[in-house]
Amino acid sequence: MSEVPNTVTEKVDLSVELFKAYYTDVVKFYTKGTASAAARARKNLSKITKLAKEIRKEVQTDKKAKIAERKAAKGVSVTSL
């Protein structure tokens, strides 16, 4: 996938694709001993880690925004967040 994903769901879909690729390569490494498959597996794990961190930040930001919206709708001050 050459395009940069914009939404959390696109990033989750990309991480699933990367995990499938990781799984394929790790199986090749452990069954056939293919060294290049091990390198690809490690590379995919790095990409998955980076995406997971991005997704986590976005989910946390969205959660805080939703909490602030609910409190604002109830008339509660959001300065305590």
C-alpha atoms as a PDB file:
ATOM      1  CA  MET A   1       0.000   0.000   0.000  1.00  0.00           C
ATOM      2  CA  SER A   2       1.752   3.167  -1.181  1.00  0.00           C
ATOM      3  CA  GLU A   3      -0.930   5.586  -0.003  1.00  0.00           C
ATOM      4  CA  VAL A   4      -0.758   6.916   3.543  1.00  0.00           C
ATOM      5  CA  PRO A   5      -3.846   5.824   5.514  1.00  0.00           C
ATOM      6  CA  ASN A   6      -5.911   8.688   6.943  1.00  0.00           C
ATOM      7  CA  THR A   7      -8.416   7.155   9.296  1.00  0.00           C
ATOM      8  CA  VAL A   8      -8.045   4.819  12.219  1.00  0.00           C
ATOM      9  CA  THR A   9      -9.952   2.096  10.377  1.00  0.00           C
ATOM     10  CA  GLU A  10      -7.628   2.384   7.367  1.00  0.00           C
ATOM     11  CA  LYS A  11      -4.647   2.105   9.704  1.00  0.00           C
ATOM     12  CA  VAL A  12      -6.149  -0.950  11.405  1.00  0.00           C
ATOM     13  CA  ASP A  13      -6.775  -2.550   7.994  1.00  0.00           C
ATOM     14  CA  LEU A  14      -3.169  -1.826   7.010  1.00  0.00           C
ATOM     15  CA  SER A  15      -1.884  -3.331  10.261  1.00  0.00           C
ATOM     16  CA  VAL A  16      -3.915  -6.490   9.579  1.00  0.00           C
ATOM     17  CA  GLU A  17      -2.361  -6.721   6.103  1.00  0.00           C
ATOM     18  CA  LEU A  18       1.107  -6.208   7.581  1.00  0.00           C
ATOM     19  CA  PHE A  19       0.471  -8.878  10.200  1.00  0.00           C
ATOM     20  CA  LYS A  20      -0.596 -11.352   7.515  1.00  0.00           C
ATOM     21  CA  ALA A  21       2.621 -10.602   5.615  1.00  0.00           C
ATOM     22  CA  TYR A  22       4.587 -10.969   8.858  1.00  0.00           C
ATOM     23  CA  TYR A  23       2.949 -14.328   9.552  1.00  0.00           C
ATOM     24  CA  THR A  24       3.738 -15.611   6.057  1.00  0.00           C
ATOM     25  CA  ASP A  25       7.381 -14.586   6.360  1.00  0.00           C
ATOM     26  CA  VAL A  26       7.881 -15.941   9.864  1.00  0.00           C
ATOM     27  CA  VAL A  27       6.449 -19.299   8.755  1.00  0.00           C
ATOM     28  CA  LYS A  28       8.850 -19.315   5.783  1.00  0.00           C
ATOM     29  CA  PHE A  29      11.746 -18.567   8.090  1.00  0.00           C
ATOM     30  CA  TYR A  30      10.936 -21.273  10.622  1.00  0.00           C
ATOM     31  CA  THR A  31       9.930 -23.958   8.120  1.00  0.00           C
ATOM     32  CA  LYS A  32      12.389 -23.317   5.296  1.00  0.00           C
ATOM     33  CA  GLY A  33      15.089 -21.328   7.071  1.00  0.00           C
ATOM     34  CA  THR A  34      14.863 -18.438   4.594  1.00  0.00           C
ATOM     35  CA  ALA A  35      16.951 -15.603   6.049  1.00  0.00           C
ATOM     36  CA  SER A  36      15.382 -12.924   3.850  1.00  0.00           C
ATOM     37  CA  ALA A  37      11.958 -13.928   5.179  1.00  0.00           C
ATOM     38  CA  ALA A  38      13.200 -13.211   8.712  1.00  0.00           C
ATOM     39  CA  ALA A  39      14.324  -9.741   7.628  1.00  0.00           C
ATOM     40  CA  ARG A  40      10.929  -9.040   6.037  1.00  0.00           C
ATOM     41  CA  ALA A  41       9.170 -10.319   9.174  1.00  0.00           C
ATOM     42  CA  ARG A  42      11.165  -7.950  11.398  1.00  0.00           C
ATOM     43  CA  LYS A  43      10.492  -5.060   9.024  1.00  0.00           C
ATOM     44  CA  ASN A  44       6.744  -5.741   9.105  1.00  0.00           C
ATOM     45  CA  LEU A  45       6.798  -5.920  12.907  1.00  0.00           C
ATOM     46  CA  SER A  46       8.420  -2.482  13.000  1.00  0.00           C
ATOM     47  CA  LYS A  47       5.720  -1.085  10.718  1.00  0.00           C
ATOM     48  CA  ILE A  48       3.004  -2.695  12.850  1.00  0.00           C
ATOM     49  CA  THR A  49       4.511  -1.159  15.989  1.00  0.00           C
ATOM     50  CA  LYS A  50       4.593   2.301  14.418  1.00  0.00           C
ATOM     51  CA  LEU A  51       0.981   2.009  13.242  1.00  0.00           C
ATOM     52  CA  ALA A  52      -0.165   0.726  16.635  1.00  0.00           C
ATOM     53  CA  LYS A  53       1.360   3.774  18.322  1.00  0.00           C
ATOM     54  CA  GLU A  54      -0.347   6.108  15.853  1.00  0.00           C
ATOM     55  CA  ILE A  55      -3.696   4.358  16.308  1.00  0.00           C
ATOM     56  CA  ARG A  56      -3.361   4.480  20.091  1.00  0.00           C
ATOM     57  CA  LYS A  57      -2.731   8.243  20.034  1.00  0.00           C
ATOM     58  CA  GLU A  58      -5.716   8.851  17.746  1.00  0.00           C
ATOM     59  CA  VAL A  59      -8.045   6.713  19.855  1.00  0.00           C
ATOM     60  CA  GLN A  60      -6.944   8.547  23.009  1.00  0.00           C
ATOM     61  CA  THR A  61      -7.461  11.951  21.352  1.00  0.00           C
ATOM     62  CA  ASP A  62     -10.892  10.942  20.056  1.00  0.00           C
ATOM     63  CA  LYS A  63     -11.871   9.580  23.473  1.00  0.00           C
ATOM     64  CA  LYS A  64     -10.949  12.860  25.169  1.00  0.00           C
ATOM     65  CA  ALA A  65     -12.880  14.822  22.545  1.00  0.00           C
ATOM     66  CA  LYS A  66     -16.001  12.701  23.047  1.00  0.00           C
ATOM     67  CA  ILE A  67     -15.791  13.101  26.816  1.00  0.00           C
ATOM     68  CA  ALA A  68     -15.459  16.864  26.403  1.00  0.00           C
ATOM     69  CA  GLU A  69     -18.475  16.918  24.058  1.00  0.00           C
ATOM     70  CA  ARG A  70     -20.604  14.981  26.550  1.00  0.00           C
ATOM     71  CA  LYS A  71     -19.597  17.247  29.414  1.00  0.00           C
ATOM     72  CA  ALA A  72     -20.250  20.353  27.326  1.00  0.00           C
ATOM     73  CA  ALA A  73     -23.678  19.034  26.409  1.00  0.00           C
ATOM     74  CA  LYS A  74     -24.444  18.536  30.092  1.00  0.00           C
ATOM     75  CA  GLY A  75     -23.152  21.996  30.937  1.00  0.00           C
ATOM     76  CA  VAL A  76     -20.137  20.774  32.899  1.00  0.00           C
ATOM     77  CA  SER A  77     -16.855  22.671  32.697  1.00  0.00           C
ATOM     78  CA  VAL A  78     -14.208  20.858  30.627  1.00  0.00           C
ATOM     79  CA  THR A  79     -11.248  22.723  32.106  1.00  0.00           C
ATOM     80  CA  SER A  80     -10.637  19.868  34.529  1.00  0.00           C
ATOM     81  CA  LEU A  81      -9.616  17.558  31.640  1.00  0.00           C
END
